[in-house]
Amino acid sequence: MKFVYFAASAAAALAVVPVAAQAQHSDHSAHDTHGDVQDALEQDAQATLVAYRDALVARDEAAMRALFADDSMVFENGKAEGSFAQYMEHHLGPELGEITEFTFTNPTVNVRMVGHVALGHETYRYRIALKDGRVIERDGVATSVLTHGHSAWKIAQYHSSSRAPRPN
């Protein structure tokens, strides 16, 4: 919905400016409007990825599910996990019950638009403490493809991988 509103606003703004007058100005104000719309869309997509990370930390299954498209695809450490619903049922869901602490450090999130799709990439270190006393620390990366539905960005494809931290 936001995208439609922004696109309609940008189109209306361009329609008001006569073509001859637009050609005489070198300030490219129409491009600035497009850039603002693009920036807002990228920020919203980035917020979706941050919300997923926050939901993982909180171990909030409902919040995680709400961020993924129904026909999403999840890949983790060389394995196709299926849709997010399948991933939750067969992999992540059972793990969440064993976790007592989940933290991320030094996360980065970057998003760029390609047409009507947002491409995200993330880097981070995570630490997971388990009920049995084990602690798992990993350096991780993730890439995402997000699509904008009627009201929000949804993660359509998510791929993450991790490894044990290496000494510097």
N, C-alpha and C. Protein backbone atom coordinates (compact mmCIF):
# COMPACT_ATOMS: atom_id res chain seq x y z
N MET A 1 0.83 -1.18 0.00
CA MET A 1 0.00 0.00 0.00
C MET A 1 0.88 1.24 0.00
N LYS A 2 1.95 1.23 0.83
CA LYS A 2 2.83 2.40 0.87
C LYS A 2 3.44 2.66 -0.49
N PHE A 3 3.84 1.57 -1.19
CA PHE A 3 4.47 1.74 -2.48
C PHE A 3 3.50 2.40 -3.45
N VAL A 4 2.25 1.93 -3.45
CA VAL A 4 1.25 2.50 -4.36
C VAL A 4 1.06 3.98 -4.04
N TYR A 5 0.98 4.34 -2.76
CA TYR A 5 0.82 5.73 -2.36
C TYR A 5 2.01 6.56 -2.81
N PHE A 6 3.23 6.06 -2.57
CA PHE A 6 4.42 6.80 -2.97
C PHE A 6 4.48 6.95 -4.49
N ALA A 7 4.18 5.88 -5.21
CA ALA A 7 4.23 5.94 -6.67
C ALA A 7 3.20 6.92 -7.21
N ALA A 8 1.99 6.90 -6.65
CA ALA A 8 0.96 7.84 -7.09
C ALA A 8 1.35 9.27 -6.79
N SER A 9 1.95 9.51 -5.62
CA SER A 9 2.39 10.86 -5.25
C SER A 9 3.48 11.35 -6.20
N ALA A 10 4.42 10.47 -6.51
CA ALA A 10 5.51 10.86 -7.42
C ALA A 10 4.96 11.14 -8.81
N ALA A 11 4.05 10.30 -9.28
CA ALA A 11 3.46 10.51 -10.61
C ALA A 11 2.67 11.81 -10.65
N ALA A 12 1.92 12.10 -9.60
CA ALA A 12 1.15 13.34 -9.55
C ALA A 12 2.08 14.55 -9.55
N ALA A 13 3.17 14.46 -8.81
CA ALA A 13 4.12 15.58 -8.77
C ALA A 13 4.74 15.82 -10.14
N LEU A 14 5.04 14.76 -10.86
CA LEU A 14 5.63 14.91 -12.19
C LEU A 14 4.62 15.47 -13.18
N ALA A 15 3.36 15.10 -13.04
CA ALA A 15 2.33 15.56 -13.96
C ALA A 15 2.08 17.05 -13.84
N VAL A 16 2.33 17.63 -12.68
CA VAL A 16 2.08 19.04 -12.44
C VAL A 16 3.14 19.92 -13.11
N VAL A 17 4.34 19.40 -13.27
CA VAL A 17 5.44 20.19 -13.84
C VAL A 17 5.39 20.11 -15.36
N PRO A 18 5.23 21.23 -16.06
CA PRO A 18 5.23 21.20 -17.52
C PRO A 18 6.57 20.69 -18.05
N VAL A 19 6.51 19.95 -19.14
CA VAL A 19 7.72 19.35 -19.69
C VAL A 19 8.76 20.40 -20.05
N ALA A 20 8.35 21.51 -20.68
CA ALA A 20 9.32 22.55 -21.07
C ALA A 20 9.99 23.15 -19.84
N ALA A 21 9.21 23.42 -18.81
CA ALA A 21 9.79 23.99 -17.58
C ALA A 21 10.73 23.00 -16.93
N GLN A 22 10.36 21.72 -16.98
CA GLN A 22 11.23 20.70 -16.38
C GLN A 22 12.55 20.63 -17.13
N ALA A 23 12.52 20.77 -18.44
CA ALA A 23 13.74 20.70 -19.24
C ALA A 23 14.66 21.88 -18.95
N GLN A 24 14.09 23.03 -18.55
CA GLN A 24 14.90 24.21 -18.29
C GLN A 24 15.59 24.16 -16.93
N HIS A 25 15.09 23.36 -16.02
CA HIS A 25 15.67 23.31 -14.67
C HIS A 25 16.72 22.21 -14.60
N SER A 26 17.81 22.51 -13.97
CA SER A 26 18.87 21.51 -13.85
C SER A 26 18.96 20.93 -12.45
N ASP A 27 17.96 21.26 -11.58
CA ASP A 27 18.07 20.77 -10.20
C ASP A 27 17.54 19.35 -10.04
N HIS A 28 16.92 18.78 -11.05
CA HIS A 28 16.45 17.39 -11.05
C HIS A 28 15.56 17.08 -9.86
N SER A 29 14.62 17.97 -9.55
CA SER A 29 13.76 17.77 -8.39
C SER A 29 12.91 16.51 -8.53
N ALA A 30 12.55 16.13 -9.74
CA ALA A 30 11.78 14.88 -9.91
C ALA A 30 12.61 13.69 -9.48
N HIS A 31 13.92 13.73 -9.78
CA HIS A 31 14.80 12.64 -9.37
C HIS A 31 14.91 12.60 -7.85
N ASP A 32 14.93 13.75 -7.20
CA ASP A 32 14.99 13.79 -5.75
C ASP A 32 13.76 13.14 -5.15
N THR A 33 12.59 13.39 -5.72
CA THR A 33 11.36 12.77 -5.23
C THR A 33 11.45 11.27 -5.37
N HIS A 34 11.91 10.81 -6.54
CA HIS A 34 12.07 9.37 -6.76
C HIS A 34 13.06 8.79 -5.75
N GLY A 35 14.14 9.52 -5.51
CA GLY A 35 15.14 9.06 -4.55
C GLY A 35 14.58 8.95 -3.14
N ASP A 36 13.73 9.90 -2.76
CA ASP A 36 13.10 9.85 -1.43
C ASP A 36 12.20 8.62 -1.32
N VAL A 37 11.44 8.34 -2.36
CA VAL A 37 10.57 7.16 -2.36
C VAL A 37 11.42 5.90 -2.27
N GLN A 38 12.46 5.85 -3.07
CA GLN A 38 13.37 4.70 -3.07
C GLN A 38 13.99 4.51 -1.69
N ASP A 39 14.45 5.60 -1.08
CA ASP A 39 15.05 5.52 0.25
C ASP A 39 14.05 5.00 1.28
N ALA A 40 12.82 5.48 1.22
CA ALA A 40 11.79 5.04 2.17
C ALA A 40 11.50 3.55 1.99
N LEU A 41 11.42 3.09 0.76
CA LEU A 41 11.18 1.67 0.51
C LEU A 41 12.34 0.82 1.02
N GLU A 42 13.56 1.26 0.78
CA GLU A 42 14.73 0.53 1.26
C GLU A 42 14.75 0.48 2.78
N GLN A 43 14.41 1.60 3.44
CA GLN A 43 14.38 1.63 4.90
C GLN A 43 13.32 0.70 5.45
N ASP A 44 12.16 0.65 4.81
CA ASP A 44 11.10 -0.27 5.25
C ASP A 44 11.53 -1.73 5.08
N ALA A 45 12.18 -2.04 3.97
CA ALA A 45 12.66 -3.41 3.75
C ALA A 45 13.73 -3.76 4.78
N GLN A 46 14.63 -2.81 5.06
CA GLN A 46 15.66 -3.03 6.07
C GLN A 46 15.03 -3.26 7.43
N ALA A 47 13.99 -2.51 7.76
CA ALA A 47 13.29 -2.68 9.04
C ALA A 47 12.69 -4.07 9.14
N THR A 48 12.25 -4.64 8.03
CA THR A 48 11.71 -6.01 8.04
C THR A 48 12.79 -7.01 8.43
N LEU A 49 14.00 -6.84 7.89
CA LEU A 49 15.09 -7.75 8.23
C LEU A 49 15.52 -7.59 9.69
N VAL A 50 15.53 -6.36 10.18
CA VAL A 50 15.86 -6.11 11.59
C VAL A 50 14.78 -6.73 12.48
N ALA A 51 13.52 -6.62 12.06
CA ALA A 51 12.42 -7.20 12.83
C ALA A 51 12.56 -8.73 12.91
N TYR A 52 13.04 -9.35 11.85
CA TYR A 52 13.27 -10.80 11.89
C TYR A 52 14.35 -11.14 12.91
N ARG A 53 15.45 -10.40 12.87
CA ARG A 53 16.52 -10.63 13.85
C ARG A 53 16.01 -10.44 15.27
N ASP A 54 15.23 -9.36 15.50
CA ASP A 54 14.67 -9.10 16.83
C ASP A 54 13.73 -10.22 17.26
N ALA A 55 12.94 -10.75 16.33
CA ALA A 55 12.03 -11.84 16.66
C ALA A 55 12.80 -13.12 17.00
N LEU A 56 13.92 -13.35 16.33
CA LEU A 56 14.77 -14.49 16.68
C LEU A 56 15.29 -14.35 18.11
N VAL A 57 15.79 -13.17 18.43
CA VAL A 57 16.32 -12.93 19.77
C VAL A 57 15.22 -13.16 20.82
N ALA A 58 14.02 -12.70 20.52
CA ALA A 58 12.89 -12.85 21.44
C ALA A 58 12.27 -14.25 21.36
N ARG A 59 12.71 -15.04 20.38
CA ARG A 59 12.15 -16.37 20.13
C ARG A 59 10.63 -16.30 19.95
N ASP A 60 10.21 -15.29 19.17
CA ASP A 60 8.80 -15.00 18.92
C ASP A 60 8.39 -15.59 17.57
N GLU A 61 7.87 -16.80 17.61
CA GLU A 61 7.51 -17.51 16.39
C GLU A 61 6.47 -16.77 15.56
N ALA A 62 5.45 -16.22 16.19
CA ALA A 62 4.39 -15.52 15.45
C ALA A 62 4.95 -14.30 14.73
N ALA A 63 5.83 -13.56 15.38
CA ALA A 63 6.43 -12.38 14.75
C ALA A 63 7.28 -12.79 13.56
N MET A 64 8.02 -13.89 13.70
CA MET A 64 8.84 -14.37 12.58
C MET A 64 7.97 -14.77 11.40
N ARG A 65 6.93 -15.55 11.65
CA ARG A 65 6.05 -16.03 10.57
C ARG A 65 5.42 -14.87 9.81
N ALA A 66 5.08 -13.80 10.52
CA ALA A 66 4.42 -12.65 9.88
C ALA A 66 5.33 -11.93 8.89
N LEU A 67 6.62 -12.14 8.98
CA LEU A 67 7.57 -11.44 8.12
C LEU A 67 7.89 -12.18 6.82
N PHE A 68 7.42 -13.41 6.71
CA PHE A 68 7.73 -14.24 5.54
C PHE A 68 6.50 -14.42 4.66
N ALA A 69 6.73 -14.44 3.36
CA ALA A 69 5.67 -14.74 2.40
C ALA A 69 5.25 -16.20 2.57
N ASP A 70 4.01 -16.49 2.28
CA ASP A 70 3.52 -17.87 2.40
C ASP A 70 4.31 -18.84 1.54
N ASP A 71 4.73 -18.40 0.36
CA ASP A 71 5.48 -19.27 -0.55
C ASP A 71 6.99 -19.02 -0.49
N SER A 72 7.45 -18.58 0.67
CA SER A 72 8.88 -18.27 0.84
C SER A 72 9.74 -19.52 0.69
N MET A 73 11.03 -19.28 0.52
CA MET A 73 12.02 -20.35 0.45
C MET A 73 13.15 -20.00 1.41
N VAL A 74 13.55 -20.97 2.22
CA VAL A 74 14.61 -20.76 3.20
C VAL A 74 15.74 -21.73 2.92
N PHE A 75 16.96 -21.21 2.94
CA PHE A 75 18.17 -22.02 2.75
C PHE A 75 19.10 -21.71 3.91
N GLU A 76 19.67 -22.75 4.51
CA GLU A 76 20.57 -22.53 5.64
C GLU A 76 21.72 -23.52 5.56
N ASN A 77 22.93 -22.98 5.59
CA ASN A 77 24.14 -23.80 5.62
C ASN A 77 24.11 -24.97 4.64
N GLY A 78 23.80 -24.67 3.39
CA GLY A 78 23.87 -25.68 2.34
C GLY A 78 22.66 -26.58 2.23
N LYS A 79 21.57 -26.26 2.92
CA LYS A 79 20.38 -27.11 2.87
C LYS A 79 19.15 -26.28 2.51
N ALA A 80 18.36 -26.80 1.59
CA ALA A 80 17.07 -26.19 1.27
C ALA A 80 16.08 -26.64 2.35
N GLU A 81 15.55 -25.67 3.09
CA GLU A 81 14.66 -25.98 4.22
C GLU A 81 13.18 -25.95 3.83
N GLY A 82 12.86 -25.50 2.62
CA GLY A 82 11.47 -25.36 2.19
C GLY A 82 10.95 -23.98 2.54
N SER A 83 9.65 -23.87 2.72
CA SER A 83 9.05 -22.58 3.09
C SER A 83 9.41 -22.24 4.53
N PHE A 84 9.13 -21.00 4.93
CA PHE A 84 9.42 -20.64 6.31
C PHE A 84 8.57 -21.49 7.26
N ALA A 85 7.34 -21.77 6.89
CA ALA A 85 6.47 -22.62 7.73
C ALA A 85 7.11 -24.00 7.92
N GLN A 86 7.65 -24.59 6.86
CA GLN A 86 8.33 -25.89 6.97
C GLN A 86 9.60 -25.78 7.80
N TYR A 87 10.36 -24.72 7.57
CA TYR A 87 11.58 -24.47 8.33
C TYR A 87 11.26 -24.35 9.83
N MET A 88 10.20 -23.64 10.15
CA MET A 88 9.81 -23.48 11.54
C MET A 88 9.39 -24.82 12.14
N GLU A 89 8.61 -25.58 11.39
CA GLU A 89 8.09 -26.85 11.89
C GLU A 89 9.19 -27.89 12.09
N HIS A 90 10.11 -27.99 11.14
CA HIS A 90 11.07 -29.09 11.16
C HIS A 90 12.47 -28.73 11.66
N HIS A 91 12.79 -27.46 11.73
CA HIS A 91 14.16 -27.09 12.08
C HIS A 91 14.19 -26.05 13.20
N LEU A 92 13.81 -24.83 12.87
CA LEU A 92 13.97 -23.73 13.82
C LEU A 92 13.06 -23.87 15.04
N GLY A 93 11.82 -24.24 14.83
CA GLY A 93 10.86 -24.36 15.94
C GLY A 93 11.36 -25.25 17.06
N PRO A 94 11.76 -26.49 16.78
CA PRO A 94 12.28 -27.34 17.85
C PRO A 94 13.53 -26.77 18.53
N GLU A 95 14.37 -26.06 17.76
CA GLU A 95 15.58 -25.46 18.34
C GLU A 95 15.23 -24.33 19.32
N LEU A 96 14.20 -23.56 19.00
CA LEU A 96 13.84 -22.42 19.86
C LEU A 96 13.55 -22.86 21.29
N GLY A 97 12.96 -24.04 21.45
CA GLY A 97 12.64 -24.54 22.78
C GLY A 97 13.86 -24.90 23.61
N GLU A 98 15.00 -25.08 22.97
CA GLU A 98 16.23 -25.45 23.67
C GLU A 98 17.12 -24.26 23.99
N ILE A 99 16.77 -23.09 23.48
CA ILE A 99 17.59 -21.90 23.62
C ILE A 99 17.19 -21.13 24.88
N THR A 100 18.20 -20.76 25.67
CA THR A 100 17.93 -19.91 26.84
C THR A 100 18.36 -18.47 26.58
N GLU A 101 19.25 -18.28 25.61
CA GLU A 101 19.73 -16.92 25.28
C GLU A 101 20.15 -16.89 23.82
N PHE A 102 19.78 -15.81 23.14
CA PHE A 102 20.15 -15.64 21.73
C PHE A 102 20.52 -14.18 21.56
N THR A 103 21.77 -13.89 21.23
CA THR A 103 22.20 -12.50 21.04
C THR A 103 22.97 -12.35 19.73
N PHE A 104 22.87 -11.17 19.17
CA PHE A 104 23.64 -10.80 17.99
C PHE A 104 24.57 -9.66 18.36
N THR A 105 25.78 -9.68 17.81
CA THR A 105 26.68 -8.55 17.98
C THR A 105 27.18 -8.11 16.61
N ASN A 106 27.46 -6.83 16.51
CA ASN A 106 27.98 -6.22 15.28
C ASN A 106 27.15 -6.53 14.04
N PRO A 107 25.83 -6.44 14.13
CA PRO A 107 25.04 -6.72 12.93
C PRO A 107 25.12 -5.57 11.93
N THR A 108 25.15 -5.92 10.66
CA THR A 108 25.00 -4.95 9.58
C THR A 108 23.84 -5.41 8.72
N VAL A 109 23.08 -4.46 8.21
CA VAL A 109 21.98 -4.77 7.31
C VAL A 109 22.02 -3.75 6.19
N ASN A 110 22.07 -4.23 4.97
CA ASN A 110 22.07 -3.35 3.80
C ASN A 110 21.02 -3.85 2.83
N VAL A 111 20.30 -2.90 2.25
CA VAL A 111 19.24 -3.23 1.30
C VAL A 111 19.39 -2.34 0.08
N ARG A 112 19.15 -2.90 -1.08
CA ARG A 112 19.08 -2.11 -2.31
C ARG A 112 17.91 -2.60 -3.12
N MET A 113 17.32 -1.66 -3.83
CA MET A 113 16.16 -1.96 -4.65
C MET A 113 16.60 -2.35 -6.06
N VAL A 114 15.94 -3.34 -6.60
CA VAL A 114 16.10 -3.72 -8.00
C VAL A 114 14.67 -3.85 -8.53
N GLY A 115 14.22 -2.82 -9.20
CA GLY A 115 12.82 -2.78 -9.63
C GLY A 115 11.92 -2.73 -8.41
N HIS A 116 10.99 -3.67 -8.33
CA HIS A 116 10.04 -3.70 -7.22
C HIS A 116 10.43 -4.75 -6.18
N VAL A 117 11.69 -5.15 -6.19
CA VAL A 117 12.20 -6.16 -5.26
C VAL A 117 13.32 -5.53 -4.45
N ALA A 118 13.41 -5.92 -3.19
CA ALA A 118 14.51 -5.46 -2.33
C ALA A 118 15.45 -6.64 -2.11
N LEU A 119 16.74 -6.37 -2.24
CA LEU A 119 17.77 -7.38 -1.98
C LEU A 119 18.51 -6.97 -0.73
N GLY A 120 18.56 -7.87 0.23
CA GLY A 120 19.24 -7.56 1.49
C GLY A 120 20.44 -8.45 1.70
N HIS A 121 21.44 -7.89 2.38
CA HIS A 121 22.55 -8.73 2.86
C HIS A 121 22.93 -8.26 4.25
N GLU A 122 23.27 -9.24 5.08
CA GLU A 122 23.57 -8.99 6.47
C GLU A 122 24.84 -9.71 6.88
N THR A 123 25.53 -9.15 7.85
CA THR A 123 26.64 -9.82 8.52
C THR A 123 26.40 -9.67 10.01
N TYR A 124 26.90 -10.61 10.78
CA TYR A 124 26.68 -10.58 12.23
C TYR A 124 27.51 -11.66 12.91
N ARG A 125 27.57 -11.58 14.19
CA ARG A 125 28.06 -12.66 15.05
C ARG A 125 26.90 -12.97 15.98
N TYR A 126 26.67 -14.23 16.22
CA TYR A 126 25.63 -14.58 17.18
C TYR A 126 26.15 -15.54 18.23
N ARG A 127 25.45 -15.51 19.35
CA ARG A 127 25.75 -16.38 20.49
C ARG A 127 24.44 -16.98 20.96
N ILE A 128 24.44 -18.30 21.06
CA ILE A 128 23.27 -19.02 21.53
C ILE A 128 23.67 -19.85 22.74
N ALA A 129 22.95 -19.67 23.84
CA ALA A 129 23.13 -20.52 25.02
C ALA A 129 21.97 -21.50 25.06
N LEU A 130 22.31 -22.78 25.30
CA LEU A 130 21.30 -23.83 25.30
C LEU A 130 21.01 -24.31 26.72
N LYS A 131 19.86 -24.94 26.88
CA LYS A 131 19.44 -25.46 28.19
C LYS A 131 20.46 -26.43 28.77
N ASP A 132 21.14 -27.19 27.91
CA ASP A 132 22.10 -28.19 28.40
C ASP A 132 23.46 -27.59 28.75
N GLY A 133 23.57 -26.26 28.68
CA GLY A 133 24.81 -25.59 29.08
C GLY A 133 25.76 -25.27 27.93
N ARG A 134 25.52 -25.83 26.77
CA ARG A 134 26.39 -25.53 25.63
C ARG A 134 26.18 -24.09 25.17
N VAL A 135 27.26 -23.51 24.65
CA VAL A 135 27.20 -22.17 24.07
C VAL A 135 27.76 -22.28 22.65
N ILE A 136 27.02 -21.72 21.72
CA ILE A 136 27.41 -21.74 20.31
C ILE A 136 27.65 -20.29 19.87
N GLU A 137 28.85 -20.04 19.34
CA GLU A 137 29.17 -18.71 18.80
C GLU A 137 29.55 -18.90 17.34
N ARG A 138 28.99 -18.04 16.49
CA ARG A 138 29.24 -18.14 15.05
C ARG A 138 29.30 -16.76 14.43
N ASP A 139 30.06 -16.65 13.34
CA ASP A 139 29.99 -15.51 12.44
C ASP A 139 29.03 -15.91 11.34
N GLY A 140 28.12 -15.02 11.00
CA GLY A 140 27.13 -15.38 10.01
C GLY A 140 26.92 -14.31 8.95
N VAL A 141 26.36 -14.76 7.85
CA VAL A 141 25.93 -13.88 6.77
C VAL A 141 24.57 -14.36 6.30
N ALA A 142 23.81 -13.44 5.75
CA ALA A 142 22.50 -13.80 5.20
C ALA A 142 22.21 -12.91 4.00
N THR A 143 21.53 -13.48 3.04
CA THR A 143 21.00 -12.70 1.92
C THR A 143 19.50 -12.94 1.86
N SER A 144 18.78 -11.91 1.44
CA SER A 144 17.33 -11.98 1.40
C SER A 144 16.80 -11.34 0.13
N VAL A 145 15.67 -11.87 -0.33
CA VAL A 145 14.90 -11.26 -1.39
C VAL A 145 13.55 -10.92 -0.76
N LEU A 146 13.17 -9.64 -0.83
CA LEU A 146 11.91 -9.20 -0.25
C LEU A 146 11.01 -8.65 -1.34
N THR A 147 9.73 -8.94 -1.20
CA THR A 147 8.73 -8.39 -2.12
C THR A 147 7.73 -7.58 -1.31
N HIS A 148 7.15 -6.59 -1.95
CA HIS A 148 6.21 -5.72 -1.24
C HIS A 148 4.79 -6.13 -1.60
N GLY A 149 4.05 -6.55 -0.59
CA GLY A 149 2.66 -6.95 -0.79
C GLY A 149 1.74 -5.77 -0.63
N HIS A 150 0.52 -6.03 -0.22
CA HIS A 150 -0.49 -4.99 -0.07
C HIS A 150 -0.13 -3.97 0.99
N SER A 151 0.54 -4.40 2.06
CA SER A 151 0.78 -3.46 3.14
C SER A 151 2.19 -3.50 3.71
N ALA A 152 2.99 -4.47 3.33
CA ALA A 152 4.30 -4.58 3.96
C ALA A 152 5.25 -5.42 3.11
N TRP A 153 6.53 -5.28 3.43
CA TRP A 153 7.54 -6.13 2.83
C TRP A 153 7.43 -7.52 3.45
N LYS A 154 7.65 -8.54 2.64
CA LYS A 154 7.69 -9.92 3.09
C LYS A 154 8.97 -10.55 2.55
N ILE A 155 9.58 -11.38 3.35
CA ILE A 155 10.78 -12.09 2.92
C ILE A 155 10.33 -13.26 2.05
N ALA A 156 10.73 -13.23 0.79
CA ALA A 156 10.35 -14.28 -0.16
C ALA A 156 11.41 -15.38 -0.21
N GLN A 157 12.66 -14.99 0.00
CA GLN A 157 13.75 -15.97 -0.02
C GLN A 157 14.80 -15.52 0.99
N TYR A 158 15.29 -16.47 1.78
CA TYR A 158 16.25 -16.17 2.83
C TYR A 158 17.33 -17.25 2.82
N HIS A 159 18.57 -16.81 2.79
CA HIS A 159 19.69 -17.75 2.79
C HIS A 159 20.70 -17.31 3.83
N SER A 160 21.00 -18.17 4.78
CA SER A 160 21.99 -17.82 5.80
C SER A 160 23.02 -18.93 5.92
N SER A 161 24.20 -18.53 6.34
CA SER A 161 25.25 -19.50 6.63
C SER A 161 26.12 -18.94 7.74
N SER A 162 26.82 -19.84 8.41
CA SER A 162 27.66 -19.42 9.51
C SER A 162 28.85 -20.34 9.66
N ARG A 163 29.83 -19.86 10.42
CA ARG A 163 31.01 -20.66 10.72
C ARG A 163 31.54 -20.25 12.08
N ALA A 164 32.38 -21.06 12.65
CA ALA A 164 33.01 -20.72 13.92
C ALA A 164 33.88 -19.49 13.72
N PRO A 165 33.89 -18.57 14.66
CA PRO A 165 34.75 -17.38 14.51
C PRO A 165 36.21 -17.76 14.36
N ARG A 166 36.89 -17.03 13.51
CA ARG A 166 38.32 -17.26 13.31
C ARG A 166 39.11 -16.21 14.07
N PRO A 167 40.23 -16.59 14.66
CA PRO A 167 41.04 -15.58 15.36
C PRO A 167 41.57 -14.54 14.36
N ASN A 168 41.68 -13.32 14.80
CA ASN A 168 42.18 -12.25 13.91
C ASN A 168 43.65 -12.29 13.75
